[in-house]
Amino acid sequence: MTGPNGVSLLAGVVAGCMLMMLSIALISVVVALTAWDDISVAVTVAQASAVIIGGFVSGRLAKRTGWLHGGLVGLFYRLLTVVSVGGGLGDLISVNFAWRGLLAFLAGAVGGMVGVNSTGNGRRT
């Protein structure tokens, strides 16, 4: 048995980050054009969607162990978001990071399981 495929992990993280950048740009335009103040729910949904799609891409490319590939994409994505916003070592060893990391792993794993099973092996009618 071999370990996770690095190329599929990288592709999943990149896909998730690209989706997140597009989502944030869209949210920013909506906030600029309306009186919408509380964007926390929209950002949370965008982040969850980015992790699920990243897991999907990784699982589809790996074609095996989609839950593991997707889950690792979720963890890498979470680590990348903490580091990119200037989080220090204290943020990486906090209960909040562990909780959100677990949620990111689970969301990515779901995307990976769907992705690995969407490779088109079945007949299309």
Protein backbone atom coordinates (compact mmCIF):
# COMPACT_ATOMS: atom_id res chain seq x y z
CA MET A 1 0.00 0.00 0.00
CA THR A 2 1.35 3.40 -0.92
CA GLY A 3 0.84 6.71 0.83
CA PRO A 4 -1.10 9.76 -0.29
CA ASN A 5 -0.47 11.14 -3.76
CA GLY A 6 1.33 14.50 -3.41
CA VAL A 7 0.17 15.83 -6.78
CA SER A 8 -3.49 15.24 -5.97
CA LEU A 9 -3.04 16.84 -2.54
CA LEU A 10 -1.44 19.92 -4.07
CA ALA A 11 -4.14 20.14 -6.74
CA GLY A 12 -6.84 19.92 -4.07
CA VAL A 13 -5.28 22.64 -1.91
CA VAL A 14 -4.78 24.91 -4.93
CA ALA A 15 -8.38 24.34 -6.10
CA GLY A 16 -9.68 25.11 -2.60
CA CYS A 17 -7.59 28.28 -2.34
CA MET A 18 -8.69 29.48 -5.77
CA LEU A 19 -12.34 28.90 -4.90
CA MET A 20 -11.86 30.75 -1.62
CA MET A 21 -10.25 33.74 -3.37
CA LEU A 22 -13.14 33.90 -5.84
CA SER A 23 -15.67 33.59 -3.02
CA ILE A 24 -14.04 36.36 -1.00
CA ALA A 25 -13.95 38.60 -4.07
CA LEU A 26 -17.67 37.99 -4.63
CA ILE A 27 -18.48 38.60 -0.96
CA SER A 28 -16.42 41.81 -1.07
CA VAL A 29 -18.37 43.10 -4.07
CA VAL A 30 -21.69 42.30 -2.40
CA VAL A 31 -20.60 44.03 0.82
CA ALA A 32 -19.41 47.09 -1.14
CA LEU A 33 -22.71 47.37 -3.02
CA THR A 34 -25.08 46.66 -0.14
CA ALA A 35 -25.45 47.41 3.55
CA TRP A 36 -24.48 43.88 4.54
CA ASP A 37 -22.38 44.05 7.71
CA ASP A 38 -22.06 40.56 9.20
CA ILE A 39 -20.22 38.39 6.70
CA SER A 40 -19.05 35.70 9.13
CA VAL A 41 -21.63 33.14 7.96
CA ALA A 42 -20.82 33.78 4.30
CA VAL A 43 -17.08 33.40 4.94
CA THR A 44 -17.65 30.18 6.91
CA VAL A 45 -19.77 28.73 4.09
CA ALA A 46 -17.15 29.80 1.54
CA GLN A 47 -14.38 28.13 3.55
CA ALA A 48 -16.35 24.91 3.97
CA SER A 49 -17.17 24.88 0.26
CA ALA A 50 -13.51 25.45 -0.62
CA VAL A 51 -12.42 22.51 1.55
CA ILE A 52 -15.13 20.21 0.17
CA ILE A 53 -14.28 21.10 -3.44
CA GLY A 54 -10.56 20.78 -2.72
CA GLY A 55 -11.18 17.34 -1.23
CA PHE A 56 -13.28 16.41 -4.25
CA VAL A 57 -10.51 17.41 -6.66
CA SER A 58 -7.90 15.54 -4.65
CA GLY A 59 -10.00 12.39 -4.35
CA ARG A 60 -10.90 12.40 -8.03
CA LEU A 61 -7.27 12.74 -9.08
CA ALA A 62 -5.99 10.16 -6.57
CA LYS A 63 -8.67 7.58 -7.55
CA ARG A 64 -8.19 5.81 -4.20
CA THR A 65 -8.54 6.57 -0.49
CA GLY A 66 -10.56 9.69 -1.18
CA TRP A 67 -11.35 10.20 2.50
CA LEU A 68 -7.64 10.41 3.33
CA HIS A 69 -6.71 12.66 0.42
CA GLY A 70 -9.66 14.96 1.06
CA GLY A 71 -9.06 15.03 4.80
CA LEU A 72 -5.41 15.93 4.33
CA VAL A 73 -6.43 18.69 1.92
CA GLY A 74 -8.69 20.03 4.67
CA LEU A 75 -5.85 19.98 7.21
CA PHE A 76 -3.37 21.60 4.81
CA TYR A 77 -5.95 24.24 3.89
CA ARG A 78 -6.60 24.97 7.57
CA LEU A 79 -2.88 25.20 8.32
CA LEU A 80 -2.40 27.50 5.33
CA THR A 81 -5.20 29.82 6.44
CA VAL A 82 -3.79 30.11 9.98
CA VAL A 83 -0.28 30.81 8.72
CA SER A 84 -1.42 33.25 6.01
CA VAL A 85 -3.34 35.47 8.45
CA GLY A 86 -0.31 35.78 10.69
CA GLY A 87 -1.21 33.20 13.30
CA GLY A 88 1.65 32.28 15.55
CA LEU A 89 2.60 29.06 17.27
CA GLY A 90 -0.04 29.74 19.92
CA ASP A 91 -2.74 29.56 17.26
CA LEU A 92 -1.42 26.23 15.99
CA ILE A 93 -1.57 24.53 19.39
CA SER A 94 -4.93 25.89 20.49
CA VAL A 95 -8.18 24.02 21.04
CA ASN A 96 -9.79 26.25 18.39
CA PHE A 97 -7.25 25.11 15.78
CA ALA A 98 -7.77 21.47 16.73
CA TRP A 99 -11.57 21.79 16.52
CA ARG A 100 -11.54 23.64 13.20
CA GLY A 101 -8.85 21.31 11.90
CA LEU A 102 -11.08 18.32 12.70
CA LEU A 103 -14.02 19.98 10.93
CA ALA A 104 -11.81 20.78 7.93
CA PHE A 105 -10.59 17.17 7.85
CA LEU A 106 -14.17 15.87 7.93
CA ALA A 107 -15.38 18.29 5.24
CA GLY A 108 -12.42 17.45 3.02
CA ALA A 109 -12.95 13.73 3.63
CA VAL A 110 -16.57 14.01 2.47
CA GLY A 111 -15.43 15.82 -0.68
CA GLY A 112 -12.71 13.23 -1.24
CA MET A 113 -15.13 10.31 -0.89
CA VAL A 114 -17.48 11.88 -3.42
CA GLY A 115 -14.55 12.71 -5.72
CA VAL A 116 -13.04 9.23 -5.69
CA ASN A 117 -16.44 7.74 -6.53
CA SER A 118 -17.12 10.19 -9.38
CA THR A 119 -14.41 8.93 -11.71
CA GLY A 120 -16.92 7.83 -14.31
CA ASN A 121 -16.48 4.08 -13.91
CA GLY A 122 -20.21 3.45 -14.29
CA ARG A 123 -22.31 3.49 -17.43
CA ARG A 124 -23.97 6.71 -18.41
CA THR A 125 -27.47 6.60 -19.75
